[in-house]
Amino acid sequence: MINHIVLMKFKPGVNGSDISDLEKHMDDLPNNIAEIHSYEFGRDVVRSERSYDFGLIALFANTEALSRYQVHPDHLVVLEKVKNMCNHIITVDFEGTDASSFKEKIPKSDLTDL
C-alpha cells in the first residue's frame, strides 16, 4: 500500500465556506476515482503554533495507482482549488506497513493481553 499524506496551510482570508466547498469536492473523489483504496481528510482541531490547517490521508495499491489518481480530471479540479487556497502544501508518499506483519513477530503468549 502507498500512503499519500498532504498537509495544507491556508492563505489568510480563506473562510469556512471556501473550506466547506473544498471538502465537498474532496468527498466526491472516492466515488469517482477507482484507484482510491481509502480516503480521509479534515480540518485541524488542535490549532497549535506548528499545526497545519487541513490534512489528507489516502491509500493506494501501488505507485501506478497513485500516478493515475494524480492525473485524474476530478483530482485536478481539487488540486487547483487547493493551490489557490494554500500558502504551503507538504506531501509525503510512502509504502505502509501491514499491521498484521507485526502480530506475526509477537510471541503468541503476548497476544493474549491484546
PDB file of N, CA and C in Angstrom:
ATOM      1  N   MET A   1       0.840  -1.187   0.000  1.00  0.00           N
ATOM      2  CA  MET A   1       0.000   0.000   0.000  1.00  0.00           C
ATOM      3  C   MET A   1       0.880   1.244   0.000  1.00  0.00           C
ATOM      4  N   ILE A   2       0.455   2.233  -0.748  1.00  0.00           N
ATOM      5  CA  ILE A   2       1.120   3.532  -0.738  1.00  0.00           C
ATOM      6  C   ILE A   2       0.255   4.488   0.073  1.00  0.00           C
ATOM      7  N   ASN A   3       0.857   5.093   1.082  1.00  0.00           N
ATOM      8  CA  ASN A   3       0.209   6.117   1.902  1.00  0.00           C
ATOM      9  C   ASN A   3       0.542   7.472   1.296  1.00  0.00           C
ATOM     10  N   HIS A   4      -0.478   8.235   0.998  1.00  0.00           N
ATOM     11  CA  HIS A   4      -0.331   9.577   0.419  1.00  0.00           C
ATOM     12  C   HIS A   4      -0.851  10.555   1.467  1.00  0.00           C
ATOM     13  N   ILE A   5       0.043  11.378   1.997  1.00  0.00           N
ATOM     14  CA  ILE A   5      -0.322  12.323   3.055  1.00  0.00           C
ATOM     15  C   ILE A   5      -0.066  13.738   2.559  1.00  0.00           C
ATOM     16  N   VAL A   6      -1.040  14.606   2.763  1.00  0.00           N
ATOM     17  CA  VAL A   6      -0.935  16.000   2.347  1.00  0.00           C
ATOM     18  C   VAL A   6      -1.326  16.879   3.534  1.00  0.00           C
ATOM     19  N   LEU A   7      -0.509  17.889   3.804  1.00  0.00           N
ATOM     20  CA  LEU A   7      -0.814  18.891   4.820  1.00  0.00           C
ATOM     21  C   LEU A   7      -0.896  20.250   4.148  1.00  0.00           C
ATOM     22  N   MET A   8      -1.908  21.044   4.533  1.00  0.00           N
ATOM     23  CA  MET A   8      -2.165  22.324   3.880  1.00  0.00           C
ATOM     24  C   MET A   8      -2.227  23.451   4.903  1.00  0.00           C
ATOM     25  N   LYS A   9      -1.583  24.564   4.559  1.00  0.00           N
ATOM     26  CA  LYS A   9      -1.662  25.793   5.352  1.00  0.00           C
ATOM     27  C   LYS A   9      -2.366  26.814   4.470  1.00  0.00           C
ATOM     28  N   PHE A  10      -3.563  27.226   4.906  1.00  0.00           N
ATOM     29  CA  PHE A  10      -4.371  28.134   4.091  1.00  0.00           C
ATOM     30  C   PHE A  10      -3.823  29.560   4.103  1.00  0.00           C
ATOM     31  N   LYS A  11      -4.106  30.269   3.029  1.00  0.00           N
ATOM     32  CA  LYS A  11      -3.775  31.686   2.922  1.00  0.00           C
ATOM     33  C   LYS A  11      -4.688  32.471   3.854  1.00  0.00           C
ATOM     34  N   PRO A  12      -4.238  33.628   4.328  1.00  0.00           N
ATOM     35  CA  PRO A  12      -5.152  34.499   5.074  1.00  0.00           C
ATOM     36  C   PRO A  12      -6.348  34.844   4.188  1.00  0.00           C
ATOM     37  N   GLY A  13      -7.515  34.888   4.781  1.00  0.00           N
ATOM     38  CA  GLY A  13      -8.716  35.232   4.031  1.00  0.00           C
ATOM     39  C   GLY A  13      -9.516  34.043   3.551  1.00  0.00           C
ATOM     40  N   VAL A  14      -8.933  32.841   3.616  1.00  0.00           N
ATOM     41  CA  VAL A  14      -9.714  31.657   3.274  1.00  0.00           C
ATOM     42  C   VAL A  14     -10.739  31.458   4.384  1.00  0.00           C
ATOM     43  N   ASN A  15     -12.010  31.367   4.015  1.00  0.00           N
ATOM     44  CA  ASN A  15     -13.055  31.294   5.042  1.00  0.00           C
ATOM     45  C   ASN A  15     -13.704  29.906   5.091  1.00  0.00           C
ATOM     46  N   GLY A  16     -14.602  29.748   6.033  1.00  0.00           N
ATOM     47  CA  GLY A  16     -15.268  28.472   6.249  1.00  0.00           C
ATOM     48  C   GLY A  16     -16.024  27.963   5.046  1.00  0.00           C
ATOM     49  N   SER A  17     -16.641  28.857   4.288  1.00  0.00           N
ATOM     50  CA  SER A  17     -17.381  28.395   3.099  1.00  0.00           C
ATOM     51  C   SER A  17     -16.422  27.908   2.009  1.00  0.00           C
ATOM     52  N   ASP A  18     -15.242  28.528   1.902  1.00  0.00           N
ATOM     53  CA  ASP A  18     -14.231  28.051   0.956  1.00  0.00           C
ATOM     54  C   ASP A  18     -13.794  26.634   1.329  1.00  0.00           C
ATOM     55  N   ILE A  19     -13.580  26.423   2.618  1.00  0.00           N
ATOM     56  CA  ILE A  19     -13.135  25.108   3.099  1.00  0.00           C
ATOM     57  C   ILE A  19     -14.246  24.078   2.923  1.00  0.00           C
ATOM     58  N   SER A  20     -15.483  24.464   3.206  1.00  0.00           N
ATOM     59  CA  SER A  20     -16.614  23.552   3.010  1.00  0.00           C
ATOM     60  C   SER A  20     -16.745  23.136   1.549  1.00  0.00           C
ATOM     61  N   ASP A  21     -16.518  24.077   0.634  1.00  0.00           N
ATOM     62  CA  ASP A  21     -16.567  23.764  -0.797  1.00  0.00           C
ATOM     63  C   ASP A  21     -15.456  22.776  -1.157  1.00  0.00           C
ATOM     64  N   LEU A  22     -14.260  22.983  -0.619  1.00  0.00           N
ATOM     65  CA  LEU A  22     -13.158  22.057  -0.851  1.00  0.00           C
ATOM     66  C   LEU A  22     -13.517  20.673  -0.325  1.00  0.00           C
ATOM     67  N   GLU A  23     -14.070  20.619   0.884  1.00  0.00           N
ATOM     68  CA  GLU A  23     -14.451  19.331   1.478  1.00  0.00           C
ATOM     69  C   GLU A  23     -15.484  18.603   0.617  1.00  0.00           C
ATOM     70  N   LYS A  24     -16.443  19.339   0.078  1.00  0.00           N
ATOM     71  CA  LYS A  24     -17.465  18.721  -0.779  1.00  0.00           C
ATOM     72  C   LYS A  24     -16.810  18.078  -2.003  1.00  0.00           C
ATOM     73  N   HIS A  25     -15.909  18.806  -2.638  1.00  0.00           N
ATOM     74  CA  HIS A  25     -15.227  18.266  -3.816  1.00  0.00           C
ATOM     75  C   HIS A  25     -14.338  17.082  -3.456  1.00  0.00           C
ATOM     76  N   MET A  26     -13.664  17.167  -2.315  1.00  0.00           N
ATOM     77  CA  MET A  26     -12.805  16.068  -1.886  1.00  0.00           C
ATOM     78  C   MET A  26     -13.623  14.832  -1.541  1.00  0.00           C
ATOM     79  N   ASP A  27     -14.774  15.045  -0.952  1.00  0.00           N
ATOM     80  CA  ASP A  27     -15.635  13.936  -0.549  1.00  0.00           C
ATOM     81  C   ASP A  27     -16.124  13.134  -1.756  1.00  0.00           C
ATOM     82  N   ASP A  28     -16.235  13.784  -2.906  1.00  0.00           N
ATOM     83  CA  ASP A  28     -16.691  13.109  -4.126  1.00  0.00           C
ATOM     84  C   ASP A  28     -15.604  12.246  -4.773  1.00  0.00           C
ATOM     85  N   LEU A  29     -14.334  12.526  -4.488  1.00  0.00           N
ATOM     86  CA  LEU A  29     -13.249  11.835  -5.195  1.00  0.00           C
ATOM     87  C   LEU A  29     -13.295  10.314  -5.080  1.00  0.00           C
ATOM     88  N   PRO A  30     -13.482   9.732  -3.892  1.00  0.00           N
ATOM     89  CA  PRO A  30     -13.506   8.259  -3.832  1.00  0.00           C
ATOM     90  C   PRO A  30     -14.636   7.623  -4.645  1.00  0.00           C
ATOM     91  N   ASN A  31     -15.705   8.356  -4.862  1.00  0.00           N
ATOM     92  CA  ASN A  31     -16.814   7.847  -5.672  1.00  0.00           C
ATOM     93  C   ASN A  31     -16.495   7.867  -7.161  1.00  0.00           C
ATOM     94  N   ASN A  32     -15.539   8.709  -7.551  1.00  0.00           N
ATOM     95  CA  ASN A  32     -15.243   8.910  -8.968  1.00  0.00           C
ATOM     96  C   ASN A  32     -13.890   8.353  -9.415  1.00  0.00           C
ATOM     97  N   ILE A  33     -13.022   8.029  -8.456  1.00  0.00           N
ATOM     98  CA  ILE A  33     -11.669   7.574  -8.800  1.00  0.00           C
ATOM     99  C   ILE A  33     -11.456   6.202  -8.176  1.00  0.00           C
ATOM    100  N   ALA A  34     -11.485   5.182  -9.011  1.00  0.00           N
ATOM    101  CA  ALA A  34     -11.411   3.793  -8.539  1.00  0.00           C
ATOM    102  C   ALA A  34     -10.088   3.473  -7.844  1.00  0.00           C
ATOM    103  N   GLU A  35      -9.037   4.185  -8.156  1.00  0.00           N
ATOM    104  CA  GLU A  35      -7.721   3.901  -7.577  1.00  0.00           C
ATOM    105  C   GLU A  35      -7.643   4.180  -6.083  1.00  0.00           C
ATOM    106  N   ILE A  36      -8.544   4.986  -5.556  1.00  0.00           N
ATOM    107  CA  ILE A  36      -8.507   5.336  -4.131  1.00  0.00           C
ATOM    108  C   ILE A  36      -8.987   4.142  -3.317  1.00  0.00           C
ATOM    109  N   HIS A  37      -8.107   3.614  -2.485  1.00  0.00           N
ATOM    110  CA  HIS A  37      -8.449   2.487  -1.619  1.00  0.00           C
ATOM    111  C   HIS A  37      -9.094   2.988  -0.321  1.00  0.00           C
ATOM    112  N   SER A  38      -8.534   4.052   0.229  1.00  0.00           N
ATOM    113  CA  SER A  38      -9.047   4.657   1.463  1.00  0.00           C
ATOM    114  C   SER A  38      -8.760   6.151   1.391  1.00  0.00           C
ATOM    115  N   TYR A  39      -9.645   6.964   1.969  1.00  0.00           N
ATOM    116  CA  TYR A  39      -9.524   8.417   1.805  1.00  0.00           C
ATOM    117  C   TYR A  39     -10.115   9.120   3.021  1.00  0.00           C
ATOM    118  N   GLU A  40      -9.284   9.831   3.741  1.00  0.00           N
ATOM    119  CA  GLU A  40      -9.753  10.609   4.890  1.00  0.00           C
ATOM    120  C   GLU A  40      -9.135  11.993   4.838  1.00  0.00           C
ATOM    121  N   PHE A  41      -9.906  12.984   5.258  1.00  0.00           N
ATOM    122  CA  PHE A  41      -9.394  14.350   5.297  1.00  0.00           C
ATOM    123  C   PHE A  41     -10.117  15.106   6.397  1.00  0.00           C
ATOM    124  N   GLY A  42      -9.543  16.223   6.794  1.00  0.00           N
ATOM    125  CA  GLY A  42     -10.219  17.026   7.800  1.00  0.00           C
ATOM    126  C   GLY A  42      -9.439  18.258   8.201  1.00  0.00           C
ATOM    127  N   ARG A  43     -10.150  19.110   8.930  1.00  0.00           N
ATOM    128  CA  ARG A  43      -9.577  20.356   9.449  1.00  0.00           C
ATOM    129  C   ARG A  43      -8.826  20.064  10.744  1.00  0.00           C
ATOM    130  N   ASP A  44      -7.763  20.802  10.969  1.00  0.00           N
ATOM    131  CA  ASP A  44      -7.001  20.656  12.199  1.00  0.00           C
ATOM    132  C   ASP A  44      -7.865  21.051  13.393  1.00  0.00           C
ATOM    133  N   VAL A  45      -7.822  20.255  14.451  1.00  0.00           N
ATOM    134  CA  VAL A  45      -8.619  20.546  15.642  1.00  0.00           C
ATOM    135  C   VAL A  45      -7.776  21.088  16.795  1.00  0.00           C
ATOM    136  N   VAL A  46      -6.458  20.928  16.729  1.00  0.00           N
ATOM    137  CA  VAL A  46      -5.586  21.377  17.823  1.00  0.00           C
ATOM    138  C   VAL A  46      -5.211  22.844  17.672  1.00  0.00           C
ATOM    139  N   ARG A  47      -4.927  23.248  16.453  1.00  0.00           N
ATOM    140  CA  ARG A  47      -4.575  24.634  16.134  1.00  0.00           C
ATOM    141  C   ARG A  47      -3.400  25.158  16.946  1.00  0.00           C
ATOM    142  N   SER A  48      -2.368  24.355  17.052  1.00  0.00           N
ATOM    143  CA  SER A  48      -1.158  24.799  17.731  1.00  0.00           C
ATOM    144  C   SER A  48      -0.340  25.669  16.788  1.00  0.00           C
ATOM    145  N   GLU A  49       0.702  26.247  17.319  1.00  0.00           N
ATOM    146  CA  GLU A  49       1.565  27.122  16.530  1.00  0.00           C
ATOM    147  C   GLU A  49       2.158  26.401  15.319  1.00  0.00           C
ATOM    148  N   ARG A  50       2.446  25.125  15.463  1.00  0.00           N
ATOM    149  CA  ARG A  50       3.078  24.382  14.368  1.00  0.00           C
ATOM    150  C   ARG A  50       2.092  23.571  13.527  1.00  0.00           C
ATOM    151  N   SER A  51       0.807  23.641  13.853  1.00  0.00           N
ATOM    152  CA  SER A  51      -0.211  22.884  13.118  1.00  0.00           C
ATOM    153  C   SER A  51      -0.426  23.437  11.722  1.00  0.00           C
ATOM    154  N   TYR A  52      -0.734  22.534  10.815  1.00  0.00           N
ATOM    155  CA  TYR A  52      -1.249  22.924   9.511  1.00  0.00           C
ATOM    156  C   TYR A  52      -2.769  22.972   9.636  1.00  0.00           C
ATOM    157  N   ASP A  53      -3.437  23.586   8.667  1.00  0.00           N
ATOM    158  CA  ASP A  53      -4.874  23.817   8.771  1.00  0.00           C
ATOM    159  C   ASP A  53      -5.728  22.626   8.360  1.00  0.00           C
ATOM    160  N   PHE A  54      -5.185  21.783   7.483  1.00  0.00           N
ATOM    161  CA  PHE A  54      -6.011  20.747   6.862  1.00  0.00           C
ATOM    162  C   PHE A  54      -5.107  19.590   6.476  1.00  0.00           C
ATOM    163  N   GLY A  55      -5.626  18.385   6.575  1.00  0.00           N
ATOM    164  CA  GLY A  55      -4.831  17.222   6.216  1.00  0.00           C
ATOM    165  C   GLY A  55      -5.619  16.202   5.436  1.00  0.00           C
ATOM    166  N   LEU A  56      -4.888  15.369   4.705  1.00  0.00           N
ATOM    167  CA  LEU A  56      -5.469  14.321   3.882  1.00  0.00           C
ATOM    168  C   LEU A  56      -4.582  13.090   3.979  1.00  0.00           C
ATOM    169  N   ILE A  57      -5.214  11.936   4.149  1.00  0.00           N
ATOM    170  CA  ILE A  57      -4.517  10.652   4.095  1.00  0.00           C
ATOM    171  C   ILE A  57      -5.292   9.775   3.116  1.00  0.00           C
ATOM    172  N   ALA A  58      -4.592   9.295   2.094  1.00  0.00           N
ATOM    173  CA  ALA A  58      -5.207   8.410   1.107  1.00  0.00           C
ATOM    174  C   ALA A  58      -4.314   7.190   0.918  1.00  0.00           C
ATOM    175  N   LEU A  59      -4.941   6.054   0.664  1.00  0.00           N
ATOM    176  CA  LEU A  59      -4.206   4.819   0.419  1.00  0.00           C
ATOM    177  C   LEU A  59      -4.444   4.349  -1.003  1.00  0.00           C
ATOM    178  N   PHE A  60      -3.349   3.884  -1.632  1.00  0.00           N
ATOM    179  CA  PHE A  60      -3.388   3.385  -2.999  1.00  0.00           C
ATOM    180  C   PHE A  60      -2.662   2.054  -3.055  1.00  0.00           C
ATOM    181  N   ALA A  61      -3.060   1.188  -3.948  1.00  0.00           N
ATOM    182  CA  ALA A  61      -2.479  -0.148  -4.044  1.00  0.00           C
ATOM    183  C   ALA A  61      -0.988  -0.104  -4.365  1.00  0.00           C
ATOM    184  N   ASN A  62      -0.579   0.842  -5.189  1.00  0.00           N
ATOM    185  CA  ASN A  62       0.817   0.920  -5.615  1.00  0.00           C
ATOM    186  C   ASN A  62       1.065   2.298  -6.216  1.00  0.00           C
ATOM    187  N   THR A  63       2.318   2.540  -6.631  1.00  0.00           N
ATOM    188  CA  THR A  63       2.651   3.859  -7.170  1.00  0.00           C
ATOM    189  C   THR A  63       1.956   4.127  -8.500  1.00  0.00           C
ATOM    190  N   GLU A  64       1.661   3.084  -9.253  1.00  0.00           N
ATOM    191  CA  GLU A  64       0.951   3.270 -10.521  1.00  0.00           C
ATOM    192  C   GLU A  64      -0.467   3.789 -10.273  1.00  0.00           C
ATOM    193  N   ALA A  65      -1.129   3.238  -9.259  1.00  0.00           N
ATOM    194  CA  ALA A  65      -2.479   3.706  -8.909  1.00  0.00           C
ATOM    195  C   ALA A  65      -2.433   5.158  -8.431  1.00  0.00           C
ATOM    196  N   LEU A  66      -1.420   5.499  -7.639  1.00  0.00           N
ATOM    197  CA  LEU A  66      -1.248   6.883  -7.187  1.00  0.00           C
ATOM    198  C   LEU A  66      -1.034   7.805  -8.386  1.00  0.00           C
ATOM    199  N   SER A  67      -0.235   7.383  -9.338  1.00  0.00           N
ATOM    200  CA  SER A  67       0.021   8.195 -10.537  1.00  0.00           C
ATOM    201  C   SER A  67      -1.254   8.430 -11.343  1.00  0.00           C
ATOM    202  N   ARG A  68      -2.077   7.404 -11.470  1.00  0.00           N
ATOM    203  CA  ARG A  68      -3.354   7.567 -12.200  1.00  0.00           C
ATOM    204  C   ARG A  68      -4.275   8.541 -11.458  1.00  0.00           C
ATOM    205  N   TYR A  69      -4.307   8.458 -10.146  1.00  0.00           N
ATOM    206  CA  TYR A  69      -5.092   9.382  -9.319  1.00  0.00           C
ATOM    207  C   TYR A  69      -4.623  10.821  -9.530  1.00  0.00           C
ATOM    208  N   GLN A  70      -3.319  11.021  -9.548  1.00  0.00           N
ATOM    209  CA  GLN A  70      -2.766  12.370  -9.627  1.00  0.00           C
ATOM    210  C   GLN A  70      -3.123  13.087 -10.929  1.00  0.00           C
ATOM    211  N   VAL A  71      -3.382  12.350 -12.002  1.00  0.00           N
ATOM    212  CA  VAL A  71      -3.724  12.996 -13.275  1.00  0.00           C
ATOM    213  C   VAL A  71      -5.208  12.868 -13.617  1.00  0.00           C
ATOM    214  N   HIS A  72      -5.984  12.271 -12.718  1.00  0.00           N
ATOM    215  CA  HIS A  72      -7.422  12.128 -12.965  1.00  0.00           C
ATOM    216  C   HIS A  72      -8.063  13.524 -13.008  1.00  0.00           C
ATOM    217  N   PRO A  73      -8.946  13.787 -13.976  1.00  0.00           N
ATOM    218  CA  PRO A  73      -9.562  15.118 -14.103  1.00  0.00           C
ATOM    219  C   PRO A  73     -10.252  15.618 -12.830  1.00  0.00           C
ATOM    220  N   ASP A  74     -10.930  14.745 -12.096  1.00  0.00           N
ATOM    221  CA  ASP A  74     -11.604  15.179 -10.863  1.00  0.00           C
ATOM    222  C   ASP A  74     -10.590  15.579  -9.788  1.00  0.00           C
ATOM    223  N   HIS A  75      -9.471  14.870  -9.726  1.00  0.00           N
ATOM    224  CA  HIS A  75      -8.424  15.242  -8.775  1.00  0.00           C
ATOM    225  C   HIS A  75      -7.788  16.575  -9.169  1.00  0.00           C
ATOM    226  N   LEU A  76      -7.606  16.798 -10.455  1.00  0.00           N
ATOM    227  CA  LEU A  76      -7.001  18.054 -10.909  1.00  0.00           C
ATOM    228  C   LEU A  76      -7.844  19.266 -10.540  1.00  0.00           C
ATOM    229  N   VAL A  77      -9.171  19.120 -10.550  1.00  0.00           N
ATOM    230  CA  VAL A  77     -10.065  20.209 -10.117  1.00  0.00           C
ATOM    231  C   VAL A  77      -9.808  20.523  -8.648  1.00  0.00           C
ATOM    232  N   VAL A  78      -9.734  19.484  -7.816  1.00  0.00           N
ATOM    233  CA  VAL A  78      -9.488  19.678  -6.389  1.00  0.00           C
ATOM    234  C   VAL A  78      -8.094  20.264  -6.170  1.00  0.00           C
ATOM    235  N   LEU A  79      -7.118  19.757  -6.874  1.00  0.00           N
ATOM    236  CA  LEU A  79      -5.753  20.247  -6.746  1.00  0.00           C
ATOM    237  C   LEU A  79      -5.668  21.740  -7.060  1.00  0.00           C
ATOM    238  N   GLU A  80      -6.366  22.186  -8.065  1.00  0.00           N
ATOM    239  CA  GLU A  80      -6.374  23.608  -8.412  1.00  0.00           C
ATOM    240  C   GLU A  80      -6.975  24.441  -7.276  1.00  0.00           C
ATOM    241  N   LYS A  81      -8.060  23.955  -6.681  1.00  0.00           N
ATOM    242  CA  LYS A  81      -8.659  24.636  -5.530  1.00  0.00           C
ATOM    243  C   LYS A  81      -7.651  24.728  -4.385  1.00  0.00           C
ATOM    244  N   VAL A  82      -6.981  23.624  -4.107  1.00  0.00           N
ATOM    245  CA  VAL A  82      -6.000  23.582  -3.018  1.00  0.00           C
ATOM    246  C   VAL A  82      -4.879  24.589  -3.277  1.00  0.00           C
ATOM    247  N   LYS A  83      -4.354  24.610  -4.483  1.00  0.00           N
ATOM    248  CA  LYS A  83      -3.274  25.542  -4.821  1.00  0.00           C
ATOM    249  C   LYS A  83      -3.711  26.996  -4.644  1.00  0.00           C
ATOM    250  N   ASN A  84      -4.966  27.294  -5.005  1.00  0.00           N
ATOM    251  CA  ASN A  84      -5.477  28.665  -4.866  1.00  0.00           C
ATOM    252  C   ASN A  84      -5.714  29.055  -3.415  1.00  0.00           C
ATOM    253  N   MET A  85      -5.962  28.077  -2.558  1.00  0.00           N
ATOM    254  CA  MET A  85      -6.292  28.353  -1.156  1.00  0.00           C
ATOM    255  C   MET A  85      -5.092  28.338  -0.223  1.00  0.00           C
ATOM    256  N   CYS A  86      -3.973  27.769  -0.650  1.00  0.00           N
ATOM    257  CA  CYS A  86      -2.887  27.480   0.280  1.00  0.00           C
ATOM    258  C   CYS A  86      -1.621  28.295   0.040  1.00  0.00           C
ATOM    259  N   ASN A  87      -0.979  28.661   1.165  1.00  0.00           N
ATOM    260  CA  ASN A  87       0.362  29.234   1.134  1.00  0.00           C
ATOM    261  C   ASN A  87       1.408  28.136   1.082  1.00  0.00           C
ATOM    262  N   HIS A  88       1.144  27.050   1.799  1.00  0.00           N
ATOM    263  CA  HIS A  88       2.095  25.949   1.908  1.00  0.00           C
ATOM    264  C   HIS A  88       1.354  24.622   1.794  1.00  0.00           C
ATOM    265  N   ILE A  89       1.951  23.703   1.034  1.00  0.00           N
ATOM    266  CA  ILE A  89       1.436  22.347   0.901  1.00  0.00           C
ATOM    267  C   ILE A  89       2.620  21.404   1.071  1.00  0.00           C
ATOM    268  N   ILE A  90       2.471  20.446   1.968  1.00  0.00           N
ATOM    269  CA  ILE A  90       3.516  19.449   2.194  1.00  0.00           C
ATOM    270  C   ILE A  90       2.922  18.083   1.890  1.00  0.00           C
ATOM    271  N   THR A  91       3.666  17.262   1.170  1.00  0.00           N
ATOM    272  CA  THR A  91       3.200  15.912   0.887  1.00  0.00           C
ATOM    273  C   THR A  91       4.303  14.903   1.170  1.00  0.00           C
ATOM    274  N   VAL A  92       3.875  13.688   1.453  1.00  0.00           N
ATOM    275  CA  VAL A  92       4.785  12.553   1.544  1.00  0.00           C
ATOM    276  C   VAL A  92       4.024  11.330   1.059  1.00  0.00           C
ATOM    277  N   ASP A  93       4.722  10.475   0.325  1.00  0.00           N
ATOM    278  CA  ASP A  93       4.162   9.222  -0.170  1.00  0.00           C
ATOM    279  C   ASP A  93       5.122   8.119   0.241  1.00  0.00           C
ATOM    280  N   PHE A  94       4.605   7.131   0.964  1.00  0.00           N
ATOM    281  CA  PHE A  94       5.489   6.067   1.436  1.00  0.00           C
ATOM    282  C   PHE A  94       4.760   4.744   1.449  1.00  0.00           C
ATOM    283  N   GLU A  95       5.566   3.666   1.399  1.00  0.00           N
ATOM    284  CA  GLU A  95       4.993   2.331   1.486  1.00  0.00           C
ATOM    285  C   GLU A  95       4.641   2.062   2.931  1.00  0.00           C
ATOM    286  N   GLY A  96       3.392   1.718   3.164  1.00  0.00           N
ATOM    287  CA  GLY A  96       2.923   1.464   4.514  1.00  0.00           C
ATOM    288  C   GLY A  96       3.323   0.086   5.001  1.00  0.00           C
ATOM    289  N   THR A  97       3.206  -0.073   6.291  1.00  0.00           N
ATOM    290  CA  THR A  97       3.495  -1.347   6.923  1.00  0.00           C
ATOM    291  C   THR A  97       2.188  -2.042   7.227  1.00  0.00           C
ATOM    292  N   ASP A  98       2.093  -3.295   6.878  1.00  0.00           N
ATOM    293  CA  ASP A  98       0.912  -4.084   7.172  1.00  0.00           C
ATOM    294  C   ASP A  98       0.924  -4.422   8.658  1.00  0.00           C
ATOM    295  N   ALA A  99      -0.055  -3.948   9.405  1.00  0.00           N
ATOM    296  CA  ALA A  99      -0.088  -4.156  10.849  1.00  0.00           C
ATOM    297  C   ALA A  99      -0.077  -5.642  11.207  1.00  0.00           C
ATOM    298  N   SER A 100      -0.639  -6.476  10.347  1.00  0.00           N
ATOM    299  CA  SER A 100      -0.660  -7.904  10.659  1.00  0.00           C
ATOM    300  C   SER A 100       0.742  -8.493  10.678  1.00  0.00           C
ATOM    301  N   SER A 101       1.670  -7.872   9.959  1.00  0.00           N
ATOM    302  CA  SER A 101       3.040  -8.388   9.965  1.00  0.00           C
ATOM    303  C   SER A 101       3.684  -8.225  11.332  1.00  0.00           C
ATOM    304  N   PHE A 102       3.249  -7.237  12.100  1.00  0.00           N
ATOM    305  CA  PHE A 102       3.778  -7.062  13.451  1.00  0.00           C
ATOM    306  C   PHE A 102       3.272  -8.166  14.369  1.00  0.00           C
ATOM    307  N   LYS A 103       2.021  -8.549  14.205  1.00  0.00           N
ATOM    308  CA  LYS A 103       1.455  -9.619  15.030  1.00  0.00           C
ATOM    309  C   LYS A 103       2.226 -10.920  14.842  1.00  0.00           C
ATOM    310  N   GLU A 104       2.683 -11.163  13.625  1.00  0.00           N
ATOM    311  CA  GLU A 104       3.428 -12.388  13.341  1.00  0.00           C
ATOM    312  C   GLU A 104       4.740 -12.441  14.110  1.00  0.00           C
ATOM    313  N   LYS A 105       5.294 -11.294  14.482  1.00  0.00           N
ATOM    314  CA  LYS A 105       6.564 -11.231  15.175  1.00  0.00           C
ATOM    315  C   LYS A 105       6.415 -11.252  16.683  1.00  0.00           C
ATOM    316  N   ILE A 106       5.192 -11.116  17.182  1.00  0.00           N
ATOM    317  CA  ILE A 106       4.935 -11.102  18.615  1.00  0.00           C
ATOM    318  C   ILE A 106       4.673 -12.545  19.066  1.00  0.00           C
ATOM    319  N   PRO A 107       5.353 -12.995  20.130  1.00  0.00           N
ATOM    320  CA  PRO A 107       5.068 -14.346  20.626  1.00  0.00           C
ATOM    321  C   PRO A 107       3.597 -14.487  20.964  1.00  0.00           C
ATOM    322  N   LYS A 108       3.012 -15.639  20.627  1.00  0.00           N
ATOM    323  CA  LYS A 108       1.573 -15.868  20.851  1.00  0.00           C
ATOM    324  C   LYS A 108       1.189 -15.655  22.308  1.00  0.00           C
ATOM    325  N   SER A 109       2.074 -15.945  23.233  1.00  0.00           N
ATOM    326  CA  SER A 109       1.755 -15.746  24.643  1.00  0.00           C
ATOM    327  C   SER A 109       1.522 -14.277  24.965  1.00  0.00           C
ATOM    328  N   ASP A 110       2.169 -13.361  24.230  1.00  0.00           N
ATOM    329  CA  ASP A 110       1.983 -11.933  24.460  1.00  0.00           C
ATOM    330  C   ASP A 110       0.696 -11.405  23.824  1.00  0.00           C
ATOM    331  N   LEU A 111       0.101 -12.140  22.889  1.00  0.00           N
ATOM    332  CA  LEU A 111      -1.121 -11.699  22.207  1.00  0.00           C
ATOM    333  C   LEU A 111      -2.359 -11.877  23.074  1.00  0.00           C
ATOM    334  N   THR A 112      -2.286 -12.675  24.117  1.00  0.00           N
ATOM    335  CA  THR A 112      -3.461 -12.913  24.956  1.00  0.00           C
ATOM    336  C   THR A 112      -3.874 -11.648  25.699  1.00  0.00           C
ATOM    337  N   ASP A 113      -2.959 -10.711  25.905  1.00  0.00           N
ATOM    338  CA  ASP A 113      -3.280  -9.469  26.615  1.00  0.00           C
ATOM    339  C   ASP A 113      -3.811  -8.381  25.690  1.00  0.00           C
ATOM    340  N   LEU A 114      -3.778  -8.614  24.374  1.00  0.00           N
ATOM    341  CA  LEU A 114      -4.193  -7.574  23.431  1.00  0.00           C
ATOM    342  C   LEU A 114      -5.671  -7.497  23.274  1.00  0.00           C
TER     343      LEU A 114
END
